[in-house]
Amino acid sequence: MAVYHDARCRLCRREGMKLFLKGQRCFTDKCAFERRGYAPGEHGKSRRVKETNYGQQLREKQKARRIYGLLERQFRQYFSKASVTKGITGEELLQMLERRLDNVVYRLGFAPSHQSARQLVRHGHFQVNGRKVDIPSYLVRAGDEVQLRERSRKIPVVLTTLEARKGQDLPEWLDMSAERLSGRVRSIPTRASIATPINEQLIVEFYSK
């Protein structure tokens, strides 16, 4: 499967906002967006282009893809599933993205970024309801328990991230047990409980053309 290997800080600069793609580095002075908060490229600093409706829709779709770390084909597949699901298409899309196992691992504070969470899941460090799951796109359901496996409880990046994010609020649809190093999905996330700064209606308009 194709993977994005280029500089991730360029993605934040292109979208004009922090996407927190590099974990704790994004909270320090080393963050490239803090030092160069303009679009990348030779003319990025002087570029002043008024975006069309299409441009706004494209940027919103790209921003969502980059936040969740998906390639275009993957993202479009999620939209196709959301469009045939009973409910509001944009909200169904965000619910699916939030329910991905790698996103849940990130939200629970086990990993500093979506990319790191995806790698941890692929390497088999987590189990769902007592069974090992190494598929980042696995969709959790209400009542599922996501737990760090016993043999994985001394991984430095996990311990460091848990310590750094101690005390931070969790999404209301998740619970966390620091003692058991596990989290529970309380419910399917609603739009009101998804704090990701995305205008999903623009994404729906982009794919509906």
N, C-alpha and C. Protein backbone atom coordinates (compact mmCIF):
# COMPACT_ATOMS: atom_id res chain seq x y z
N MET A 1 0.84 -1.19 0.00
CA MET A 1 0.00 0.00 0.00
C MET A 1 0.88 1.24 0.00
N ALA A 2 0.51 2.26 -0.78
CA ALA A 2 1.29 3.49 -0.87
C ALA A 2 1.26 4.25 0.45
N VAL A 3 2.40 4.88 0.77
CA VAL A 3 2.52 5.65 2.01
C VAL A 3 3.13 6.99 1.70
N TYR A 4 2.67 8.04 2.39
CA TYR A 4 3.24 9.38 2.18
C TYR A 4 4.56 9.47 2.92
N HIS A 5 5.64 9.82 2.19
CA HIS A 5 6.97 9.86 2.79
C HIS A 5 7.58 11.27 2.82
N ASP A 6 6.93 12.25 2.22
CA ASP A 6 7.51 13.59 2.17
C ASP A 6 7.37 14.31 3.51
N ALA A 7 7.93 15.52 3.57
CA ALA A 7 7.91 16.30 4.81
C ALA A 7 6.48 16.62 5.24
N ARG A 8 6.13 16.25 6.47
CA ARG A 8 4.76 16.44 6.93
C ARG A 8 4.48 17.88 7.34
N CYS A 9 5.50 18.59 7.72
CA CYS A 9 5.28 19.98 8.12
C CYS A 9 4.81 20.82 6.93
N ARG A 10 5.17 20.43 5.73
CA ARG A 10 4.70 21.14 4.54
C ARG A 10 3.18 21.05 4.40
N LEU A 11 2.61 19.94 4.87
CA LEU A 11 1.17 19.76 4.78
C LEU A 11 0.44 20.77 5.67
N CYS A 12 0.96 20.98 6.87
CA CYS A 12 0.36 21.97 7.77
C CYS A 12 0.45 23.36 7.16
N ARG A 13 1.60 23.67 6.60
CA ARG A 13 1.80 24.99 6.01
C ARG A 13 0.88 25.18 4.81
N ARG A 14 0.68 24.14 4.04
CA ARG A 14 -0.19 24.26 2.87
C ARG A 14 -1.63 24.47 3.27
N GLU A 15 -2.07 23.85 4.36
CA GLU A 15 -3.45 24.00 4.81
C GLU A 15 -3.66 25.24 5.66
N GLY A 16 -2.56 25.90 6.04
CA GLY A 16 -2.68 27.14 6.81
C GLY A 16 -3.07 26.95 8.26
N MET A 17 -2.84 25.76 8.80
CA MET A 17 -3.16 25.50 10.20
C MET A 17 -2.38 24.28 10.68
N LYS A 18 -2.23 24.16 11.98
CA LYS A 18 -1.54 23.01 12.54
C LYS A 18 -2.45 21.78 12.44
N LEU A 19 -1.91 20.72 11.88
CA LEU A 19 -2.64 19.46 11.79
C LEU A 19 -2.11 18.45 12.80
N PHE A 20 -1.07 18.82 13.55
CA PHE A 20 -0.48 17.99 14.60
C PHE A 20 -0.08 16.61 14.06
N LEU A 21 0.70 16.64 12.97
CA LEU A 21 1.12 15.42 12.31
C LEU A 21 2.42 14.85 12.86
N LYS A 22 3.12 15.64 13.73
CA LYS A 22 4.41 15.17 14.23
C LYS A 22 4.43 15.09 15.75
N GLY A 23 3.28 14.88 16.35
CA GLY A 23 3.21 14.65 17.79
C GLY A 23 3.65 15.83 18.62
N GLN A 24 4.48 15.56 19.63
CA GLN A 24 4.88 16.60 20.59
C GLN A 24 5.70 17.71 19.95
N ARG A 25 6.34 17.45 18.85
CA ARG A 25 7.13 18.49 18.18
C ARG A 25 6.24 19.67 17.80
N CYS A 26 4.98 19.40 17.51
CA CYS A 26 4.04 20.45 17.11
C CYS A 26 3.77 21.44 18.24
N PHE A 27 4.10 21.05 19.48
CA PHE A 27 3.85 21.92 20.63
C PHE A 27 5.11 22.67 21.06
N THR A 28 6.18 22.54 20.29
CA THR A 28 7.44 23.19 20.64
C THR A 28 7.80 24.28 19.63
N ASP A 29 8.88 25.00 19.94
CA ASP A 29 9.35 26.05 19.03
C ASP A 29 9.94 25.49 17.75
N LYS A 30 10.18 24.18 17.70
CA LYS A 30 10.73 23.56 16.50
C LYS A 30 9.67 23.34 15.43
N CYS A 31 8.42 23.56 15.77
CA CYS A 31 7.33 23.38 14.81
C CYS A 31 7.54 24.31 13.60
N ALA A 32 7.58 23.73 12.41
CA ALA A 32 7.83 24.51 11.20
C ALA A 32 6.72 25.52 10.94
N PHE A 33 5.51 25.20 11.34
CA PHE A 33 4.39 26.12 11.11
C PHE A 33 4.54 27.38 11.95
N GLU A 34 5.13 27.25 13.14
CA GLU A 34 5.36 28.42 13.99
C GLU A 34 6.42 29.33 13.38
N ARG A 35 7.41 28.73 12.74
CA ARG A 35 8.51 29.51 12.18
C ARG A 35 8.21 30.03 10.78
N ARG A 36 7.43 29.24 10.02
CA ARG A 36 7.10 29.63 8.64
C ARG A 36 5.63 29.29 8.37
N GLY A 37 4.77 30.13 8.86
CA GLY A 37 3.35 29.85 8.76
C GLY A 37 2.72 30.24 7.45
N TYR A 38 3.47 30.14 6.38
CA TYR A 38 2.95 30.44 5.05
C TYR A 38 3.09 29.20 4.17
N ALA A 39 2.43 29.22 3.02
CA ALA A 39 2.44 28.06 2.14
C ALA A 39 3.85 27.72 1.68
N PRO A 40 4.16 26.44 1.49
CA PRO A 40 5.50 26.04 1.04
C PRO A 40 5.71 26.41 -0.43
N GLY A 41 6.97 26.37 -0.84
CA GLY A 41 7.28 26.68 -2.23
C GLY A 41 7.94 28.04 -2.38
N GLU A 42 8.48 28.25 -3.56
CA GLU A 42 9.24 29.47 -3.83
C GLU A 42 8.42 30.74 -3.65
N HIS A 43 7.13 30.67 -4.01
CA HIS A 43 6.29 31.86 -3.95
C HIS A 43 5.24 31.77 -2.84
N GLY A 44 5.45 30.84 -1.92
CA GLY A 44 4.46 30.63 -0.87
C GLY A 44 4.23 31.85 0.00
N LYS A 45 5.30 32.59 0.30
CA LYS A 45 5.17 33.73 1.21
C LYS A 45 4.42 34.88 0.58
N SER A 46 4.54 35.02 -0.73
CA SER A 46 3.92 36.16 -1.40
C SER A 46 2.61 35.80 -2.10
N ARG A 47 2.25 34.51 -2.05
CA ARG A 47 1.06 34.08 -2.77
C ARG A 47 -0.21 34.59 -2.09
N ARG A 48 -1.03 35.28 -2.83
CA ARG A 48 -2.30 35.78 -2.32
C ARG A 48 -3.38 35.48 -3.36
N VAL A 49 -3.95 34.29 -3.28
CA VAL A 49 -4.93 33.87 -4.27
C VAL A 49 -6.29 33.73 -3.61
N LYS A 50 -7.28 34.36 -4.22
CA LYS A 50 -8.64 34.23 -3.71
C LYS A 50 -9.20 32.89 -4.19
N GLU A 51 -9.54 32.02 -3.25
CA GLU A 51 -9.98 30.68 -3.62
C GLU A 51 -11.42 30.69 -4.13
N THR A 52 -11.67 29.87 -5.13
CA THR A 52 -13.02 29.66 -5.63
C THR A 52 -13.75 28.69 -4.72
N ASN A 53 -15.03 28.46 -4.98
CA ASN A 53 -15.78 27.49 -4.20
C ASN A 53 -15.14 26.11 -4.32
N TYR A 54 -14.73 25.78 -5.53
CA TYR A 54 -14.08 24.49 -5.75
C TYR A 54 -12.78 24.41 -4.94
N GLY A 55 -12.02 25.49 -4.93
CA GLY A 55 -10.77 25.52 -4.19
C GLY A 55 -10.99 25.30 -2.70
N GLN A 56 -12.03 25.92 -2.15
CA GLN A 56 -12.34 25.74 -0.74
C GLN A 56 -12.74 24.30 -0.44
N GLN A 57 -13.53 23.72 -1.33
CA GLN A 57 -13.95 22.33 -1.15
C GLN A 57 -12.76 21.38 -1.22
N LEU A 58 -11.87 21.63 -2.18
CA LEU A 58 -10.68 20.80 -2.33
C LEU A 58 -9.79 20.88 -1.10
N ARG A 59 -9.56 22.10 -0.61
CA ARG A 59 -8.71 22.27 0.56
C ARG A 59 -9.29 21.58 1.79
N GLU A 60 -10.61 21.62 1.95
CA GLU A 60 -11.23 20.97 3.10
C GLU A 60 -11.09 19.46 3.01
N LYS A 61 -11.24 18.93 1.80
CA LYS A 61 -11.07 17.49 1.62
C LYS A 61 -9.62 17.08 1.88
N GLN A 62 -8.69 17.86 1.37
CA GLN A 62 -7.27 17.56 1.59
C GLN A 62 -6.91 17.65 3.07
N LYS A 63 -7.46 18.64 3.75
CA LYS A 63 -7.18 18.80 5.18
C LYS A 63 -7.66 17.58 5.96
N ALA A 64 -8.88 17.12 5.65
CA ALA A 64 -9.42 15.95 6.34
C ALA A 64 -8.56 14.71 6.07
N ARG A 65 -8.17 14.52 4.81
CA ARG A 65 -7.32 13.37 4.46
C ARG A 65 -6.03 13.38 5.27
N ARG A 66 -5.44 14.56 5.38
CA ARG A 66 -4.14 14.67 6.03
C ARG A 66 -4.24 14.52 7.53
N ILE A 67 -5.31 15.01 8.12
CA ILE A 67 -5.49 14.85 9.56
C ILE A 67 -5.57 13.38 9.93
N TYR A 68 -6.33 12.61 9.15
CA TYR A 68 -6.50 11.19 9.46
C TYR A 68 -5.46 10.31 8.77
N GLY A 69 -4.60 10.90 7.95
CA GLY A 69 -3.50 10.15 7.34
C GLY A 69 -3.91 9.17 6.28
N LEU A 70 -4.87 9.55 5.43
CA LEU A 70 -5.37 8.65 4.40
C LEU A 70 -4.98 9.13 3.00
N LEU A 71 -4.82 8.20 2.10
CA LEU A 71 -4.60 8.54 0.71
C LEU A 71 -5.94 8.76 0.02
N GLU A 72 -5.92 9.32 -1.17
CA GLU A 72 -7.16 9.69 -1.85
C GLU A 72 -8.09 8.50 -2.07
N ARG A 73 -7.55 7.39 -2.51
CA ARG A 73 -8.39 6.23 -2.78
C ARG A 73 -9.09 5.75 -1.52
N GLN A 74 -8.36 5.69 -0.41
CA GLN A 74 -8.95 5.28 0.86
C GLN A 74 -10.05 6.24 1.28
N PHE A 75 -9.75 7.53 1.19
CA PHE A 75 -10.70 8.54 1.64
C PHE A 75 -11.98 8.49 0.81
N ARG A 76 -11.82 8.32 -0.49
CA ARG A 76 -12.99 8.27 -1.36
C ARG A 76 -13.85 7.03 -1.06
N GLN A 77 -13.21 5.94 -0.70
CA GLN A 77 -13.96 4.74 -0.33
C GLN A 77 -14.82 4.99 0.91
N TYR A 78 -14.26 5.70 1.86
CA TYR A 78 -15.04 6.05 3.05
C TYR A 78 -16.24 6.93 2.67
N PHE A 79 -16.00 7.88 1.76
CA PHE A 79 -17.11 8.74 1.35
C PHE A 79 -18.19 7.93 0.63
N SER A 80 -17.78 6.99 -0.19
CA SER A 80 -18.75 6.16 -0.91
C SER A 80 -19.60 5.36 0.07
N LYS A 81 -18.98 4.83 1.11
CA LYS A 81 -19.74 4.08 2.13
C LYS A 81 -20.68 5.01 2.89
N ALA A 82 -20.19 6.21 3.21
CA ALA A 82 -21.02 7.16 3.96
C ALA A 82 -22.22 7.62 3.14
N SER A 83 -22.03 7.74 1.82
CA SER A 83 -23.10 8.26 0.97
C SER A 83 -24.26 7.28 0.82
N VAL A 84 -24.02 5.99 1.07
CA VAL A 84 -25.11 5.00 0.96
C VAL A 84 -25.59 4.55 2.34
N THR A 85 -25.05 5.17 3.39
CA THR A 85 -25.48 4.85 4.74
C THR A 85 -26.63 5.76 5.15
N LYS A 86 -27.59 5.22 5.85
CA LYS A 86 -28.72 6.02 6.30
C LYS A 86 -28.24 7.08 7.28
N GLY A 87 -28.52 8.33 7.00
CA GLY A 87 -28.07 9.42 7.85
C GLY A 87 -27.49 10.54 7.01
N ILE A 88 -26.93 11.54 7.67
CA ILE A 88 -26.31 12.68 6.99
C ILE A 88 -24.92 12.27 6.51
N THR A 89 -24.67 12.37 5.23
CA THR A 89 -23.44 11.84 4.64
C THR A 89 -22.18 12.38 5.30
N GLY A 90 -22.10 13.69 5.50
CA GLY A 90 -20.90 14.28 6.10
C GLY A 90 -20.64 13.77 7.50
N GLU A 91 -21.69 13.66 8.29
CA GLU A 91 -21.54 13.19 9.66
C GLU A 91 -21.17 11.70 9.68
N GLU A 92 -21.77 10.93 8.78
CA GLU A 92 -21.44 9.50 8.70
C GLU A 92 -19.97 9.32 8.33
N LEU A 93 -19.47 10.17 7.44
CA LEU A 93 -18.07 10.12 7.04
C LEU A 93 -17.15 10.35 8.23
N LEU A 94 -17.41 11.41 8.99
CA LEU A 94 -16.57 11.71 10.15
C LEU A 94 -16.65 10.63 11.21
N GLN A 95 -17.84 10.05 11.39
CA GLN A 95 -17.98 8.96 12.35
C GLN A 95 -17.10 7.78 11.98
N MET A 96 -17.09 7.42 10.70
CA MET A 96 -16.26 6.30 10.25
C MET A 96 -14.78 6.59 10.48
N LEU A 97 -14.37 7.80 10.17
CA LEU A 97 -12.96 8.16 10.33
C LEU A 97 -12.56 8.14 11.80
N GLU A 98 -13.44 8.61 12.68
CA GLU A 98 -13.14 8.62 14.10
C GLU A 98 -13.11 7.22 14.68
N ARG A 99 -13.89 6.31 14.11
CA ARG A 99 -13.99 4.95 14.64
C ARG A 99 -12.85 4.03 14.19
N ARG A 100 -11.99 4.52 13.30
CA ARG A 100 -10.83 3.72 12.90
C ARG A 100 -9.99 3.40 14.14
N LEU A 101 -9.46 2.19 14.20
CA LEU A 101 -8.69 1.78 15.37
C LEU A 101 -7.47 2.66 15.59
N ASP A 102 -6.78 3.02 14.50
CA ASP A 102 -5.59 3.86 14.70
C ASP A 102 -5.97 5.23 15.27
N ASN A 103 -7.13 5.76 14.88
CA ASN A 103 -7.58 7.04 15.43
C ASN A 103 -7.94 6.90 16.91
N VAL A 104 -8.60 5.79 17.27
CA VAL A 104 -8.96 5.57 18.67
C VAL A 104 -7.71 5.46 19.53
N VAL A 105 -6.70 4.74 19.04
CA VAL A 105 -5.44 4.62 19.77
C VAL A 105 -4.82 6.01 19.98
N TYR A 106 -4.88 6.84 18.95
CA TYR A 106 -4.35 8.20 19.06
C TYR A 106 -5.17 9.03 20.05
N ARG A 107 -6.49 8.97 19.96
CA ARG A 107 -7.35 9.75 20.85
C ARG A 107 -7.19 9.35 22.31
N LEU A 108 -6.92 8.06 22.55
CA LEU A 108 -6.75 7.59 23.92
C LEU A 108 -5.41 8.01 24.52
N GLY A 109 -4.50 8.49 23.68
CA GLY A 109 -3.22 8.99 24.18
C GLY A 109 -2.10 7.98 24.17
N PHE A 110 -2.25 6.89 23.43
CA PHE A 110 -1.19 5.88 23.36
C PHE A 110 -0.11 6.27 22.36
N ALA A 111 -0.42 7.17 21.43
CA ALA A 111 0.53 7.53 20.37
C ALA A 111 0.53 9.05 20.17
N PRO A 112 1.67 9.62 19.79
CA PRO A 112 1.77 11.07 19.62
C PRO A 112 1.15 11.60 18.33
N SER A 113 0.87 10.73 17.37
CA SER A 113 0.32 11.16 16.09
C SER A 113 -0.45 10.00 15.46
N HIS A 114 -1.24 10.31 14.44
CA HIS A 114 -1.96 9.26 13.74
C HIS A 114 -0.99 8.29 13.07
N GLN A 115 0.08 8.81 12.52
CA GLN A 115 1.06 7.95 11.86
C GLN A 115 1.68 6.95 12.84
N SER A 116 2.03 7.44 14.02
CA SER A 116 2.61 6.57 15.04
C SER A 116 1.58 5.54 15.51
N ALA A 117 0.33 5.98 15.66
CA ALA A 117 -0.73 5.05 16.09
C ALA A 117 -0.93 3.96 15.06
N ARG A 118 -0.88 4.32 13.78
CA ARG A 118 -1.06 3.33 12.72
C ARG A 118 0.07 2.29 12.77
N GLN A 119 1.27 2.75 13.01
CA GLN A 119 2.41 1.83 13.07
C GLN A 119 2.29 0.88 14.25
N LEU A 120 1.87 1.41 15.40
CA LEU A 120 1.71 0.57 16.59
C LEU A 120 0.65 -0.51 16.36
N VAL A 121 -0.45 -0.12 15.71
CA VAL A 121 -1.51 -1.09 15.44
C VAL A 121 -1.02 -2.16 14.47
N ARG A 122 -0.34 -1.73 13.41
CA ARG A 122 0.16 -2.69 12.41
C ARG A 122 1.12 -3.70 13.01
N HIS A 123 1.87 -3.27 14.01
CA HIS A 123 2.84 -4.16 14.63
C HIS A 123 2.21 -5.06 15.69
N GLY A 124 0.90 -4.98 15.83
CA GLY A 124 0.19 -5.91 16.70
C GLY A 124 0.27 -5.61 18.18
N HIS A 125 0.41 -4.34 18.54
CA HIS A 125 0.55 -3.99 19.96
C HIS A 125 -0.78 -3.80 20.68
N PHE A 126 -1.89 -3.87 19.96
CA PHE A 126 -3.19 -3.64 20.60
C PHE A 126 -4.15 -4.79 20.36
N GLN A 127 -5.07 -4.94 21.28
CA GLN A 127 -6.12 -5.94 21.13
C GLN A 127 -7.48 -5.28 21.38
N VAL A 128 -8.48 -5.79 20.71
CA VAL A 128 -9.85 -5.30 20.86
C VAL A 128 -10.68 -6.43 21.43
N ASN A 129 -11.26 -6.17 22.58
CA ASN A 129 -12.06 -7.20 23.26
C ASN A 129 -11.27 -8.48 23.47
N GLY A 130 -9.98 -8.32 23.80
CA GLY A 130 -9.14 -9.47 24.13
C GLY A 130 -8.49 -10.16 22.96
N ARG A 131 -8.76 -9.71 21.74
CA ARG A 131 -8.17 -10.34 20.55
C ARG A 131 -7.27 -9.36 19.83
N LYS A 132 -6.09 -9.82 19.41
CA LYS A 132 -5.16 -8.95 18.71
C LYS A 132 -5.75 -8.49 17.39
N VAL A 133 -5.65 -7.17 17.15
CA VAL A 133 -6.10 -6.60 15.88
C VAL A 133 -4.97 -5.74 15.33
N ASP A 134 -4.50 -6.07 14.13
CA ASP A 134 -3.39 -5.31 13.54
C ASP A 134 -3.81 -4.61 12.25
N ILE A 135 -5.09 -4.26 12.17
CA ILE A 135 -5.62 -3.57 10.99
C ILE A 135 -6.01 -2.14 11.40
N PRO A 136 -5.25 -1.13 10.99
CA PRO A 136 -5.54 0.26 11.41
C PRO A 136 -6.94 0.73 11.04
N SER A 137 -7.50 0.21 9.94
CA SER A 137 -8.81 0.66 9.48
C SER A 137 -9.97 -0.06 10.18
N TYR A 138 -9.67 -0.95 11.09
CA TYR A 138 -10.72 -1.67 11.82
C TYR A 138 -11.64 -0.66 12.50
N LEU A 139 -12.94 -0.80 12.31
CA LEU A 139 -13.91 0.14 12.89
C LEU A 139 -14.42 -0.40 14.22
N VAL A 140 -14.16 0.35 15.28
CA VAL A 140 -14.63 -0.06 16.60
C VAL A 140 -16.13 0.22 16.73
N ARG A 141 -16.76 -0.48 17.66
CA ARG A 141 -18.18 -0.31 17.91
C ARG A 141 -18.40 0.06 19.37
N ALA A 142 -19.58 0.54 19.68
CA ALA A 142 -19.91 0.90 21.06
C ALA A 142 -19.73 -0.31 21.95
N GLY A 143 -19.04 -0.11 23.07
CA GLY A 143 -18.80 -1.20 24.01
C GLY A 143 -17.48 -1.90 23.84
N ASP A 144 -16.79 -1.67 22.72
CA ASP A 144 -15.49 -2.31 22.48
C ASP A 144 -14.44 -1.80 23.47
N GLU A 145 -13.55 -2.70 23.87
CA GLU A 145 -12.42 -2.33 24.72
C GLU A 145 -11.13 -2.44 23.92
N VAL A 146 -10.37 -1.36 23.89
CA VAL A 146 -9.08 -1.33 23.19
C VAL A 146 -7.98 -1.31 24.24
N GLN A 147 -7.14 -2.31 24.23
CA GLN A 147 -6.14 -2.45 25.29
C GLN A 147 -4.75 -2.69 24.73
N LEU A 148 -3.76 -2.08 25.37
CA LEU A 148 -2.37 -2.32 25.01
C LEU A 148 -1.99 -3.72 25.48
N ARG A 149 -1.39 -4.51 24.62
CA ARG A 149 -1.05 -5.88 24.97
C ARG A 149 0.02 -5.91 26.05
N GLU A 150 0.01 -6.99 26.82
CA GLU A 150 0.91 -7.12 27.97
C GLU A 150 2.37 -6.96 27.55
N ARG A 151 2.75 -7.57 26.44
CA ARG A 151 4.15 -7.55 26.00
C ARG A 151 4.57 -6.20 25.45
N SER A 152 3.61 -5.29 25.28
CA SER A 152 3.91 -4.00 24.65
C SER A 152 3.89 -2.83 25.63
N ARG A 153 3.83 -3.13 26.92
CA ARG A 153 3.59 -2.08 27.91
C ARG A 153 4.83 -1.30 28.32
N LYS A 154 5.98 -1.62 27.71
CA LYS A 154 7.19 -0.88 28.03
C LYS A 154 7.75 -0.17 26.80
N ILE A 155 6.93 -0.02 25.77
CA ILE A 155 7.38 0.68 24.56
C ILE A 155 7.59 2.15 24.90
N PRO A 156 8.78 2.69 24.70
CA PRO A 156 9.09 4.06 25.11
C PRO A 156 8.14 5.13 24.57
N VAL A 157 7.79 5.03 23.28
CA VAL A 157 6.93 6.07 22.70
C VAL A 157 5.55 6.07 23.35
N VAL A 158 5.06 4.90 23.74
CA VAL A 158 3.76 4.81 24.40
C VAL A 158 3.82 5.42 25.79
N LEU A 159 4.85 5.05 26.56
CA LEU A 159 4.99 5.57 27.92
C LEU A 159 5.20 7.08 27.92
N THR A 160 6.00 7.56 26.98
CA THR A 160 6.27 9.00 26.90
C THR A 160 5.01 9.77 26.54
N THR A 161 4.26 9.26 25.60
CA THR A 161 3.05 9.94 25.16
C THR A 161 1.98 9.94 26.25
N LEU A 162 1.81 8.82 26.94
CA LEU A 162 0.84 8.76 28.03
C LEU A 162 1.17 9.76 29.12
N GLU A 163 2.46 9.91 29.41
CA GLU A 163 2.88 10.86 30.44
C GLU A 163 2.65 12.30 29.97
N ALA A 164 2.98 12.57 28.70
CA ALA A 164 2.84 13.93 28.17
C ALA A 164 1.38 14.36 28.09
N ARG A 165 0.48 13.41 27.82
CA ARG A 165 -0.93 13.75 27.63
C ARG A 165 -1.77 13.47 28.86
N LYS A 166 -1.11 13.19 29.98
CA LYS A 166 -1.83 12.94 31.22
C LYS A 166 -2.63 14.18 31.63
N GLY A 167 -3.88 13.99 31.96
CA GLY A 167 -4.71 15.10 32.38
C GLY A 167 -5.48 15.76 31.25
N GLN A 168 -5.15 15.44 30.01
CA GLN A 168 -5.88 16.02 28.89
C GLN A 168 -7.25 15.36 28.75
N ASP A 169 -8.21 16.16 28.34
CA ASP A 169 -9.57 15.64 28.20
C ASP A 169 -9.68 14.69 27.02
N LEU A 170 -10.44 13.63 27.22
CA LEU A 170 -10.73 12.68 26.14
C LEU A 170 -12.04 13.07 25.46
N PRO A 171 -12.24 12.65 24.22
CA PRO A 171 -13.56 12.81 23.60
C PRO A 171 -14.61 12.14 24.47
N GLU A 172 -15.79 12.70 24.53
CA GLU A 172 -16.81 12.19 25.45
C GLU A 172 -17.28 10.77 25.11
N TRP A 173 -16.96 10.30 23.90
CA TRP A 173 -17.39 8.95 23.52
C TRP A 173 -16.36 7.88 23.88
N LEU A 174 -15.27 8.28 24.55
CA LEU A 174 -14.23 7.34 24.96
C LEU A 174 -13.98 7.43 26.46
N ASP A 175 -13.62 6.30 27.05
CA ASP A 175 -13.17 6.23 28.45
C ASP A 175 -11.77 5.64 28.46
N MET A 176 -10.97 6.02 29.47
CA MET A 176 -9.61 5.53 29.56
C MET A 176 -9.31 5.05 30.97
N SER A 177 -8.68 3.88 31.08
CA SER A 177 -8.23 3.36 32.35
C SER A 177 -6.71 3.33 32.33
N ALA A 178 -6.08 4.27 33.05
CA ALA A 178 -4.63 4.35 33.06
C ALA A 178 -4.01 3.13 33.73
N GLU A 179 -4.71 2.56 34.71
CA GLU A 179 -4.18 1.41 35.44
C GLU A 179 -4.12 0.17 34.52
N ARG A 180 -5.16 -0.02 33.75
CA ARG A 180 -5.23 -1.19 32.88
C ARG A 180 -4.66 -0.93 31.49
N LEU A 181 -4.27 0.32 31.23
CA LEU A 181 -3.78 0.73 29.91
C LEU A 181 -4.77 0.30 28.82
N SER A 182 -6.02 0.65 29.05
CA SER A 182 -7.05 0.29 28.09
C SER A 182 -8.08 1.41 28.01
N GLY A 183 -8.80 1.42 26.91
CA GLY A 183 -9.86 2.39 26.72
C GLY A 183 -11.12 1.69 26.28
N ARG A 184 -12.25 2.32 26.51
CA ARG A 184 -13.52 1.72 26.12
C ARG A 184 -14.31 2.72 25.27
N VAL A 185 -14.95 2.20 24.24
CA VAL A 185 -15.79 3.02 23.38
C VAL A 185 -17.17 3.11 24.03
N ARG A 186 -17.48 4.26 24.59
CA ARG A 186 -18.75 4.43 25.30
C ARG A 186 -19.93 4.43 24.33
N SER A 187 -19.73 5.04 23.18
CA SER A 187 -20.82 5.16 22.21
C SER A 187 -20.24 5.52 20.85
N ILE A 188 -21.06 5.45 19.84
CA ILE A 188 -20.64 5.92 18.51
C ILE A 188 -20.54 7.44 18.58
N PRO A 189 -19.46 8.03 18.10
CA PRO A 189 -19.31 9.49 18.21
C PRO A 189 -20.39 10.25 17.43
N THR A 190 -20.91 11.29 18.04
CA THR A 190 -21.84 12.18 17.36
C THR A 190 -21.06 13.34 16.78
N ARG A 191 -21.68 14.11 15.91
CA ARG A 191 -20.97 15.25 15.32
C ARG A 191 -20.56 16.24 16.39
N ALA A 192 -21.39 16.41 17.40
CA ALA A 192 -21.08 17.37 18.46
C ALA A 192 -19.86 16.95 19.28
N SER A 193 -19.57 15.65 19.31
CA SER A 193 -18.45 15.16 20.11
C SER A 193 -17.15 15.05 19.31
N ILE A 194 -17.20 15.39 18.03
CA ILE A 194 -16.01 15.34 17.18
C ILE A 194 -15.46 16.75 17.04
N ALA A 195 -14.33 17.00 17.69
CA ALA A 195 -13.78 18.36 17.74
C ALA A 195 -12.86 18.68 16.57
N THR A 196 -12.62 17.72 15.69
CA THR A 196 -11.74 17.95 14.55
C THR A 196 -12.27 19.11 13.70
N PRO A 197 -11.42 20.11 13.42
CA PRO A 197 -11.87 21.31 12.69
C PRO A 197 -12.09 21.06 11.20
N ILE A 198 -13.18 20.40 10.87
CA ILE A 198 -13.48 20.06 9.48
C ILE A 198 -14.90 20.49 9.16
N ASN A 199 -15.06 21.12 8.00
CA ASN A 199 -16.40 21.45 7.50
C ASN A 199 -16.79 20.34 6.52
N GLU A 200 -17.47 19.34 7.03
CA GLU A 200 -17.76 18.15 6.23
C GLU A 200 -18.68 18.44 5.05
N GLN A 201 -19.46 19.51 5.13
CA GLN A 201 -20.38 19.83 4.04
C GLN A 201 -19.61 20.18 2.77
N LEU A 202 -18.45 20.84 2.94
CA LEU A 202 -17.63 21.17 1.78
C LEU A 202 -17.09 19.91 1.11
N ILE A 203 -16.80 18.88 1.90
CA ILE A 203 -16.32 17.62 1.35
C ILE A 203 -17.42 16.94 0.56
N VAL A 204 -18.63 16.96 1.10
CA VAL A 204 -19.78 16.38 0.41
C VAL A 204 -20.00 17.09 -0.92
N GLU A 205 -19.90 18.41 -0.91
CA GLU A 205 -20.08 19.19 -2.15
C GLU A 205 -18.98 18.87 -3.16
N PHE A 206 -17.77 18.64 -2.68
CA PHE A 206 -16.65 18.34 -3.59
C PHE A 206 -16.89 17.03 -4.33
N TYR A 207 -17.31 15.99 -3.62
CA TYR A 207 -17.52 14.69 -4.25
C TYR A 207 -18.85 14.59 -4.98
N SER A 208 -19.73 15.54 -4.77
CA SER A 208 -21.05 15.47 -5.39
C SER A 208 -21.10 16.14 -6.76
N LYS A 209 -19.99 16.69 -7.18
CA LYS A 209 -19.97 17.39 -8.49
C LYS A 209 -20.09 16.38 -9.63
